Amino acid sequence: MAAACRDDQVELRGDWGAVRFNVEVADTAAEHAVGLMNRSSMPARSGMIFLYEAPQRVGFWMRNTLIPLDMLFMSADGVVQKIHQNAVPLDETVILGGDNIQYVLEINGGMSARLGITTGTELRHPGVNQAVAAWPCE
């Protein structure tokens, strides 16, 4: 995966292998609030990356979200700290990602298990602070 980093793609790598997803970027409070609401489907290798200005405590819910999602919560260096699998559509229970989370990737529910994605997986994207990124852009 030697391609240059692009805003509309993320790459993940770990002991399980590597994968690329086409993504939409949510980097404002308004985009964070809407996320993937009101969508009836999403292509298999697609998702949404939520970028925060600094590490923080984050929580998500599935209000108005019609498809099951996996949520990958990452620290400032882009390393997956927690995976919430198969978030239930329309459920308003808060899903806590933990403290010191700066990036969250939402992909189709069950995808992380199918691919073998685990905690410790590294993310590459230009929105990750390149000075501390575990897998920086080339």
Protein backbone atom coordinates (compact mmCIF):
# COMPACT_ATOMS: atom_id res chain seq x y z
CA MET A 1 0.00 0.00 0.00
CA ALA A 2 2.46 2.61 -1.17
CA ALA A 3 -0.11 5.08 -2.50
CA ALA A 4 0.01 8.60 -1.13
CA CYS A 5 -2.42 9.46 1.66
CA ARG A 6 -5.74 10.89 0.52
CA ASP A 7 -8.49 12.65 2.49
CA ASP A 8 -11.10 10.30 1.03
CA GLN A 9 -9.32 7.08 2.06
CA VAL A 10 -8.03 5.47 5.22
CA GLU A 11 -5.70 2.52 5.46
CA LEU A 12 -5.54 0.12 8.38
CA ARG A 13 -2.79 -2.39 9.12
CA GLY A 14 -2.05 -4.91 11.82
CA ASP A 15 -1.00 -8.49 12.44
CA TRP A 16 -4.20 -9.50 10.62
CA GLY A 17 -3.16 -7.75 7.34
CA ALA A 18 -4.12 -4.43 5.75
CA VAL A 19 -7.17 -2.83 4.15
CA ARG A 20 -8.23 0.44 2.55
CA PHE A 21 -11.62 2.11 3.01
CA ASN A 22 -13.13 4.98 1.06
CA VAL A 23 -14.31 7.49 3.63
CA GLU A 24 -16.18 10.69 4.18
CA VAL A 25 -14.50 13.05 6.64
CA ALA A 26 -16.40 14.50 9.60
CA ASP A 27 -14.20 17.20 11.15
CA THR A 28 -16.66 19.83 12.39
CA ALA A 29 -19.14 19.70 15.28
CA ALA A 30 -22.04 19.79 12.80
CA GLU A 31 -20.61 16.87 10.80
CA HIS A 32 -19.91 14.94 14.02
CA ALA A 33 -23.54 15.39 15.06
CA VAL A 34 -24.96 14.02 11.80
CA GLY A 35 -22.44 11.25 11.05
CA LEU A 36 -24.00 8.43 9.05
CA MET A 37 -27.61 9.16 10.02
CA ASN A 38 -30.50 8.45 7.64
CA ARG A 39 -28.60 6.18 5.25
CA SER A 40 -30.18 2.92 4.21
CA SER A 41 -26.90 1.31 3.11
CA MET A 42 -23.16 1.84 2.73
CA PRO A 43 -20.76 0.11 0.31
CA ALA A 44 -18.65 -2.64 1.90
CA ARG A 45 -15.29 -0.86 1.89
CA SER A 46 -16.63 2.55 2.89
CA GLY A 47 -17.03 4.49 6.08
CA MET A 48 -16.72 7.79 7.88
CA ILE A 49 -13.69 9.10 9.78
CA PHE A 50 -14.36 11.48 12.66
CA LEU A 51 -11.42 13.81 13.32
CA TYR A 52 -11.17 15.74 16.60
CA GLU A 53 -8.75 18.59 17.26
CA ALA A 54 -7.37 16.98 20.41
CA PRO A 55 -7.66 13.72 22.33
CA GLN A 56 -10.82 13.61 24.44
CA ARG A 57 -13.55 11.42 25.91
CA VAL A 58 -15.97 10.51 23.11
CA GLY A 59 -19.36 8.88 23.01
CA PHE A 60 -21.57 7.95 20.07
CA TRP A 61 -25.16 6.83 19.67
CA MET A 62 -27.21 5.46 16.81
CA ARG A 63 -30.10 7.94 16.74
CA ASN A 64 -31.47 8.09 13.18
CA THR A 65 -28.77 5.66 12.04
CA LEU A 66 -30.41 2.93 9.99
CA ILE A 67 -27.49 0.53 9.43
CA PRO A 68 -25.41 -1.44 11.97
CA LEU A 69 -21.92 -0.01 12.42
CA ASP A 70 -18.56 -0.99 13.85
CA MET A 71 -16.81 1.90 15.60
CA LEU A 72 -13.02 1.95 15.86
CA PHE A 73 -11.81 4.39 18.53
CA MET A 74 -8.23 5.60 18.11
CA SER A 75 -5.69 7.59 20.10
CA ALA A 76 -3.71 10.61 18.85
CA ASP A 77 -1.18 8.33 17.11
CA GLY A 78 -3.94 6.60 15.12
CA VAL A 79 -3.77 3.30 17.02
CA VAL A 80 -7.07 1.49 17.67
CA GLN A 81 -7.80 1.45 21.41
CA LYS A 82 -11.33 0.02 21.35
CA ILE A 83 -13.70 -1.55 18.84
CA HIS A 84 -17.46 -1.51 19.32
CA GLN A 85 -18.95 -4.07 16.96
CA ASN A 86 -22.43 -4.06 15.44
CA ALA A 87 -23.90 -0.95 17.03
CA VAL A 88 -27.67 -1.41 16.85
CA PRO A 89 -29.55 0.83 14.41
CA LEU A 90 -31.69 3.52 16.09
CA ASP A 91 -30.41 2.66 19.59
CA GLU A 92 -29.89 5.79 21.70
CA THR A 93 -27.67 4.10 24.27
CA VAL A 94 -24.37 6.00 24.45
CA ILE A 95 -21.38 4.01 23.22
CA LEU A 96 -18.31 5.26 25.06
CA GLY A 97 -15.04 5.09 23.18
CA GLY A 98 -12.89 5.91 26.16
CA ASP A 99 -10.64 8.77 27.18
CA ASN A 100 -7.90 10.25 25.00
CA ILE A 101 -9.61 9.36 21.72
CA GLN A 102 -8.88 11.63 18.76
CA TYR A 103 -10.16 9.64 15.77
CA VAL A 104 -13.13 7.35 15.21
CA LEU A 105 -13.74 5.25 12.12
CA GLU A 106 -17.24 3.95 11.44
CA ILE A 107 -17.56 1.04 9.02
CA ASN A 108 -20.32 -1.47 8.28
CA GLY A 109 -21.33 -3.63 11.22
CA GLY A 110 -19.42 -6.91 11.37
CA MET A 111 -16.68 -5.73 9.01
CA SER A 112 -13.98 -5.51 11.69
CA ALA A 113 -14.61 -9.13 12.74
CA ARG A 114 -14.71 -10.34 9.11
CA LEU A 115 -11.36 -8.69 8.40
CA GLY A 116 -9.81 -9.59 11.75
CA ILE A 117 -9.23 -5.96 12.80
CA THR A 118 -8.09 -5.80 16.43
CA THR A 119 -6.99 -3.26 19.01
CA GLY A 120 -3.46 -2.16 18.21
CA THR A 121 -4.33 -1.77 14.51
CA GLU A 122 -2.73 1.33 12.97
CA LEU A 123 -4.56 3.95 10.88
CA ARG A 124 -3.01 5.99 8.10
CA HIS A 125 -4.81 9.17 7.00
CA PRO A 126 -3.67 12.77 6.40
CA GLY A 127 -6.01 13.94 9.18
CA VAL A 128 -3.88 12.14 11.78
CA ASN A 129 -1.22 14.36 13.37
CA GLN A 130 1.78 13.22 11.30
CA ALA A 131 4.26 14.22 14.01
CA VAL A 132 2.95 11.45 16.29
CA ALA A 133 1.33 9.03 13.80
CA ALA A 134 2.19 5.37 14.32
CA TRP A 135 1.81 4.97 10.52
CA PRO A 136 2.57 8.35 8.93
CA CYS A 137 1.79 9.33 5.37
CA GLU A 138 4.67 8.99 2.92
